[in-house]
Protein backbone atom coordinates (compact mmCIF):
# COMPACT_ATOMS: atom_id res chain seq x y z
CA UNK A 1 0.00 0.00 0.00
CA UNK A 2 1.31 3.43 -0.94
CA UNK A 3 2.04 5.92 1.80
CA UNK A 4 -0.11 9.01 2.14
CA UNK A 5 2.74 11.17 0.80
CA UNK A 6 3.07 8.88 -2.25
CA UNK A 7 -0.69 9.04 -2.96
CA UNK A 8 -0.68 12.83 -2.73
CA UNK A 9 2.45 13.01 -4.90
CA UNK A 10 0.68 10.92 -7.58
CA UNK A 11 -2.35 13.21 -7.37
CA UNK A 12 -0.20 16.31 -7.93
CA UNK A 13 1.64 14.67 -10.82
CA UNK A 14 -1.77 14.21 -12.51
CA UNK A 15 -2.79 17.73 -11.47
CA UNK A 16 0.40 19.25 -12.92
CA UNK A 17 -0.13 17.40 -16.24
CA UNK A 18 -3.71 18.67 -16.44
CA UNK A 19 -2.55 22.19 -15.56
CA UNK A 20 0.14 22.13 -18.24
CA UNK A 21 -2.40 21.17 -20.88
CA UNK A 22 -4.93 23.56 -19.28
CA UNK A 23 -7.55 20.85 -19.47
CA UNK A 24 -10.36 22.70 -17.67
CA UNK A 25 -12.57 19.59 -17.49
CA UNK A 26 -9.79 17.48 -15.95
CA UNK A 27 -8.83 20.22 -13.49
CA UNK A 28 -12.46 20.78 -12.52
CA UNK A 29 -12.80 17.05 -11.89
CA UNK A 30 -10.02 17.31 -9.30
CA UNK A 31 -12.04 19.86 -7.29
CA UNK A 32 -15.26 19.37 -5.36
CA UNK A 33 -17.94 22.03 -5.67
CA UNK A 34 -18.52 24.20 -3.87
CA UNK A 35 -14.87 25.15 -4.09
CA UNK A 36 -13.22 28.10 -2.38
CA UNK A 37 -10.27 29.80 -4.11
CA UNK A 38 -8.14 32.27 -2.19
CA UNK A 39 -6.28 34.51 -4.63
CA UNK A 40 -2.86 36.07 -4.17
CA UNK A 41 -4.38 39.51 -3.78
CA UNK A 42 -6.51 38.29 -0.86
CA UNK A 43 -9.78 37.91 -2.77
CA UNK A 44 -11.86 34.89 -1.85
CA UNK A 45 -13.98 33.32 -4.55
CA UNK A 46 -16.62 30.63 -4.09
CA UNK A 47 -17.21 28.42 -7.11
CA UNK A 48 -20.59 26.85 -6.30
CA UNK A 49 -20.85 24.29 -9.13
CA UNK A 50 -18.59 22.08 -11.24
CA UNK A 51 -19.43 24.30 -14.22
CA UNK A 52 -18.21 27.35 -12.26
CA UNK A 53 -14.98 25.48 -11.48
CA UNK A 54 -14.53 24.63 -15.20
CA UNK A 55 -15.19 28.26 -16.15
CA UNK A 56 -12.58 29.37 -13.60
CA UNK A 57 -9.94 27.15 -15.23
CA UNK A 58 -10.94 28.24 -18.74
CA UNK A 59 -10.42 31.88 -17.69
CA UNK A 60 -7.13 30.99 -16.01
CA UNK A 61 -5.91 29.35 -19.22
CA UNK A 62 -6.47 32.57 -21.17
CA UNK A 63 -4.57 34.54 -18.51
CA UNK A 64 -1.64 32.12 -18.71
CA UNK A 65 -1.58 32.40 -22.49
CA UNK A 66 -1.37 36.21 -22.20
CA UNK A 67 1.62 35.86 -19.83
CA UNK A 68 3.72 33.91 -22.36
CA UNK A 69 3.34 30.88 -20.08
CA UNK A 70 5.77 28.13 -21.03
CA UNK A 71 5.32 25.61 -18.26
CA UNK A 72 5.52 25.05 -14.57
CA UNK A 73 6.33 22.65 -11.80
CA UNK A 74 5.71 22.12 -8.13
CA UNK A 75 8.35 21.74 -5.43
CA UNK A 76 8.52 21.37 -1.66
CA UNK A 77 5.44 19.15 -1.25
CA UNK A 78 4.45 18.75 2.40
CA UNK A 79 1.62 16.41 3.42
CA UNK A 80 -0.14 16.26 6.77
CA UNK A 81 -2.86 13.73 7.55
CA UNK A 82 -6.14 15.17 8.79
CA UNK A 83 -7.87 12.30 10.52
CA UNK A 84 -8.14 9.03 8.62
CA UNK A 85 -9.68 10.19 5.32
CA UNK A 86 -8.16 13.59 4.47
CA UNK A 87 -4.88 15.40 4.12
CA UNK A 88 -3.54 18.92 3.93
CA UNK A 89 -1.00 19.33 1.15
CA UNK A 90 1.08 22.44 0.68
CA UNK A 91 3.52 23.05 -2.11
CA UNK A 92 5.25 25.75 -4.10
CA UNK A 93 4.36 26.28 -7.75
CA UNK A 94 6.92 27.79 -10.12
CA UNK A 95 5.70 29.08 -13.48
CA UNK A 96 7.96 29.74 -16.45
CA UNK A 97 7.83 31.87 -19.56
CA UNK A 98 8.50 30.24 -22.90
CA UNK A 99 12.16 31.37 -22.58
CA UNK A 100 12.46 29.27 -19.38
CA UNK A 101 12.63 32.19 -16.91
CA UNK A 102 10.51 31.99 -13.76
CA UNK A 103 7.82 34.67 -13.80
CA UNK A 104 5.82 33.52 -10.79
CA UNK A 105 6.46 31.52 -7.62
CA UNK A 106 3.78 30.98 -4.98
CA UNK A 107 2.88 28.63 -2.15
CA UNK A 108 -0.53 26.99 -2.16
CA UNK A 109 -2.36 24.66 0.26
CA UNK A 110 -4.97 22.07 -0.69
CA UNK A 111 -7.42 20.18 1.49
CA UNK A 112 -7.61 16.68 0.00
C-alpha atoms as a PDB file:
ATOM      1  CA  UNK A   1       0.000   0.000   0.000  1.00  0.00           C
ATOM      2  CA  UNK A   2       1.308   3.429  -0.940  1.00  0.00           C
ATOM      3  CA  UNK A   3       2.043   5.925   1.800  1.00  0.00           C
ATOM      4  CA  UNK A   4      -0.108   9.008   2.142  1.00  0.00           C
ATOM      5  CA  UNK A   5       2.741  11.166   0.796  1.00  0.00           C
ATOM      6  CA  UNK A   6       3.072   8.878  -2.254  1.00  0.00           C
ATOM      7  CA  UNK A   7      -0.687   9.039  -2.956  1.00  0.00           C
ATOM      8  CA  UNK A   8      -0.684  12.826  -2.726  1.00  0.00           C
ATOM      9  CA  UNK A   9       2.450  13.009  -4.897  1.00  0.00           C
ATOM     10  CA  UNK A  10       0.681  10.922  -7.575  1.00  0.00           C
ATOM     11  CA  UNK A  11      -2.351  13.215  -7.369  1.00  0.00           C
ATOM     12  CA  UNK A  12      -0.202  16.311  -7.931  1.00  0.00           C
ATOM     13  CA  UNK A  13       1.643  14.670 -10.819  1.00  0.00           C
ATOM     14  CA  UNK A  14      -1.766  14.206 -12.505  1.00  0.00           C
ATOM     15  CA  UNK A  15      -2.793  17.727 -11.471  1.00  0.00           C
ATOM     16  CA  UNK A  16       0.398  19.247 -12.925  1.00  0.00           C
ATOM     17  CA  UNK A  17      -0.125  17.397 -16.243  1.00  0.00           C
ATOM     18  CA  UNK A  18      -3.712  18.666 -16.438  1.00  0.00           C
ATOM     19  CA  UNK A  19      -2.548  22.187 -15.563  1.00  0.00           C
ATOM     20  CA  UNK A  20       0.143  22.133 -18.244  1.00  0.00           C
ATOM     21  CA  UNK A  21      -2.397  21.166 -20.883  1.00  0.00           C
ATOM     22  CA  UNK A  22      -4.933  23.564 -19.284  1.00  0.00           C
ATOM     23  CA  UNK A  23      -7.554  20.849 -19.469  1.00  0.00           C
ATOM     24  CA  UNK A  24     -10.363  22.701 -17.672  1.00  0.00           C
ATOM     25  CA  UNK A  25     -12.569  19.593 -17.486  1.00  0.00           C
ATOM     26  CA  UNK A  26      -9.789  17.476 -15.950  1.00  0.00           C
ATOM     27  CA  UNK A  27      -8.832  20.223 -13.489  1.00  0.00           C
ATOM     28  CA  UNK A  28     -12.462  20.779 -12.517  1.00  0.00           C
ATOM     29  CA  UNK A  29     -12.799  17.046 -11.893  1.00  0.00           C
ATOM     30  CA  UNK A  30     -10.024  17.312  -9.305  1.00  0.00           C
ATOM     31  CA  UNK A  31     -12.041  19.861  -7.294  1.00  0.00           C
ATOM     32  CA  UNK A  32     -15.261  19.369  -5.358  1.00  0.00           C
ATOM     33  CA  UNK A  33     -17.938  22.029  -5.670  1.00  0.00           C
ATOM     34  CA  UNK A  34     -18.518  24.199  -3.865  1.00  0.00           C
ATOM     35  CA  UNK A  35     -14.869  25.150  -4.089  1.00  0.00           C
ATOM     36  CA  UNK A  36     -13.219  28.101  -2.378  1.00  0.00           C
ATOM     37  CA  UNK A  37     -10.275  29.800  -4.113  1.00  0.00           C
ATOM     38  CA  UNK A  38      -8.136  32.274  -2.186  1.00  0.00           C
ATOM     39  CA  UNK A  39      -6.277  34.510  -4.630  1.00  0.00           C
ATOM     40  CA  UNK A  40      -2.859  36.066  -4.173  1.00  0.00           C
ATOM     41  CA  UNK A  41      -4.384  39.508  -3.784  1.00  0.00           C
ATOM     42  CA  UNK A  42      -6.511  38.290  -0.860  1.00  0.00           C
ATOM     43  CA  UNK A  43      -9.778  37.910  -2.771  1.00  0.00           C
ATOM     44  CA  UNK A  44     -11.861  34.894  -1.849  1.00  0.00           C
ATOM     45  CA  UNK A  45     -13.981  33.317  -4.547  1.00  0.00           C
ATOM     46  CA  UNK A  46     -16.623  30.634  -4.089  1.00  0.00           C
ATOM     47  CA  UNK A  47     -17.213  28.419  -7.111  1.00  0.00           C
ATOM     48  CA  UNK A  48     -20.595  26.852  -6.304  1.00  0.00           C
ATOM     49  CA  UNK A  49     -20.845  24.286  -9.127  1.00  0.00           C
ATOM     50  CA  UNK A  50     -18.587  22.078 -11.239  1.00  0.00           C
ATOM     51  CA  UNK A  51     -19.434  24.299 -14.216  1.00  0.00           C
ATOM     52  CA  UNK A  52     -18.209  27.346 -12.265  1.00  0.00           C
ATOM     53  CA  UNK A  53     -14.984  25.484 -11.482  1.00  0.00           C
ATOM     54  CA  UNK A  54     -14.530  24.626 -15.196  1.00  0.00           C
ATOM     55  CA  UNK A  55     -15.191  28.262 -16.148  1.00  0.00           C
ATOM     56  CA  UNK A  56     -12.575  29.372 -13.596  1.00  0.00           C
ATOM     57  CA  UNK A  57      -9.945  27.150 -15.226  1.00  0.00           C
ATOM     58  CA  UNK A  58     -10.937  28.242 -18.737  1.00  0.00           C
ATOM     59  CA  UNK A  59     -10.424  31.877 -17.692  1.00  0.00           C
ATOM     60  CA  UNK A  60      -7.135  30.993 -16.014  1.00  0.00           C
ATOM     61  CA  UNK A  61      -5.908  29.347 -19.219  1.00  0.00           C
ATOM     62  CA  UNK A  62      -6.469  32.566 -21.166  1.00  0.00           C
ATOM     63  CA  UNK A  63      -4.567  34.541 -18.509  1.00  0.00           C
ATOM     64  CA  UNK A  64      -1.638  32.118 -18.706  1.00  0.00           C
ATOM     65  CA  UNK A  65      -1.585  32.403 -22.488  1.00  0.00           C
ATOM     66  CA  UNK A  66      -1.370  36.209 -22.197  1.00  0.00           C
ATOM     67  CA  UNK A  67       1.616  35.858 -19.826  1.00  0.00           C
ATOM     68  CA  UNK A  68       3.722  33.908 -22.362  1.00  0.00           C
ATOM     69  CA  UNK A  69       3.339  30.881 -20.078  1.00  0.00           C
ATOM     70  CA  UNK A  70       5.766  28.135 -21.032  1.00  0.00           C
ATOM     71  CA  UNK A  71       5.319  25.608 -18.258  1.00  0.00           C
ATOM     72  CA  UNK A  72       5.522  25.049 -14.574  1.00  0.00           C
ATOM     73  CA  UNK A  73       6.335  22.647 -11.804  1.00  0.00           C
ATOM     74  CA  UNK A  74       5.711  22.122  -8.131  1.00  0.00           C
ATOM     75  CA  UNK A  75       8.353  21.744  -5.433  1.00  0.00           C
ATOM     76  CA  UNK A  76       8.516  21.365  -1.655  1.00  0.00           C
ATOM     77  CA  UNK A  77       5.441  19.152  -1.252  1.00  0.00           C
ATOM     78  CA  UNK A  78       4.452  18.751   2.399  1.00  0.00           C
ATOM     79  CA  UNK A  79       1.615  16.414   3.419  1.00  0.00           C
ATOM     80  CA  UNK A  80      -0.143  16.257   6.775  1.00  0.00           C
ATOM     81  CA  UNK A  81      -2.856  13.726   7.552  1.00  0.00           C
ATOM     82  CA  UNK A  82      -6.144  15.165   8.788  1.00  0.00           C
ATOM     83  CA  UNK A  83      -7.869  12.304  10.522  1.00  0.00           C
ATOM     84  CA  UNK A  84      -8.141   9.029   8.616  1.00  0.00           C
ATOM     85  CA  UNK A  85      -9.675  10.192   5.318  1.00  0.00           C
ATOM     86  CA  UNK A  86      -8.164  13.589   4.470  1.00  0.00           C
ATOM     87  CA  UNK A  87      -4.884  15.403   4.124  1.00  0.00           C
ATOM     88  CA  UNK A  88      -3.544  18.921   3.930  1.00  0.00           C
ATOM     89  CA  UNK A  89      -1.004  19.328   1.153  1.00  0.00           C
ATOM     90  CA  UNK A  90       1.078  22.444   0.682  1.00  0.00           C
ATOM     91  CA  UNK A  91       3.521  23.053  -2.115  1.00  0.00           C
ATOM     92  CA  UNK A  92       5.251  25.752  -4.103  1.00  0.00           C
ATOM     93  CA  UNK A  93       4.364  26.284  -7.754  1.00  0.00           C
ATOM     94  CA  UNK A  94       6.916  27.791 -10.123  1.00  0.00           C
ATOM     95  CA  UNK A  95       5.702  29.081 -13.478  1.00  0.00           C
ATOM     96  CA  UNK A  96       7.964  29.743 -16.445  1.00  0.00           C
ATOM     97  CA  UNK A  97       7.830  31.875 -19.560  1.00  0.00           C
ATOM     98  CA  UNK A  98       8.503  30.243 -22.900  1.00  0.00           C
ATOM     99  CA  UNK A  99      12.159  31.375 -22.582  1.00  0.00           C
ATOM    100  CA  UNK A 100      12.459  29.272 -19.381  1.00  0.00           C
ATOM    101  CA  UNK A 101      12.625  32.186 -16.911  1.00  0.00           C
ATOM    102  CA  UNK A 102      10.509  31.990 -13.757  1.00  0.00           C
ATOM    103  CA  UNK A 103       7.816  34.666 -13.801  1.00  0.00           C
ATOM    104  CA  UNK A 104       5.822  33.516 -10.792  1.00  0.00           C
ATOM    105  CA  UNK A 105       6.463  31.519  -7.622  1.00  0.00           C
ATOM    106  CA  UNK A 106       3.782  30.978  -4.981  1.00  0.00           C
ATOM    107  CA  UNK A 107       2.884  28.633  -2.150  1.00  0.00           C
ATOM    108  CA  UNK A 108      -0.535  26.990  -2.162  1.00  0.00           C
ATOM    109  CA  UNK A 109      -2.359  24.664   0.261  1.00  0.00           C
ATOM    110  CA  UNK A 110      -4.967  22.072  -0.693  1.00  0.00           C
ATOM    111  CA  UNK A 111      -7.419  20.182   1.491  1.00  0.00           C
ATOM    112  CA  UNK A 112      -7.608  16.677   0.000  1.00  0.00           C
END
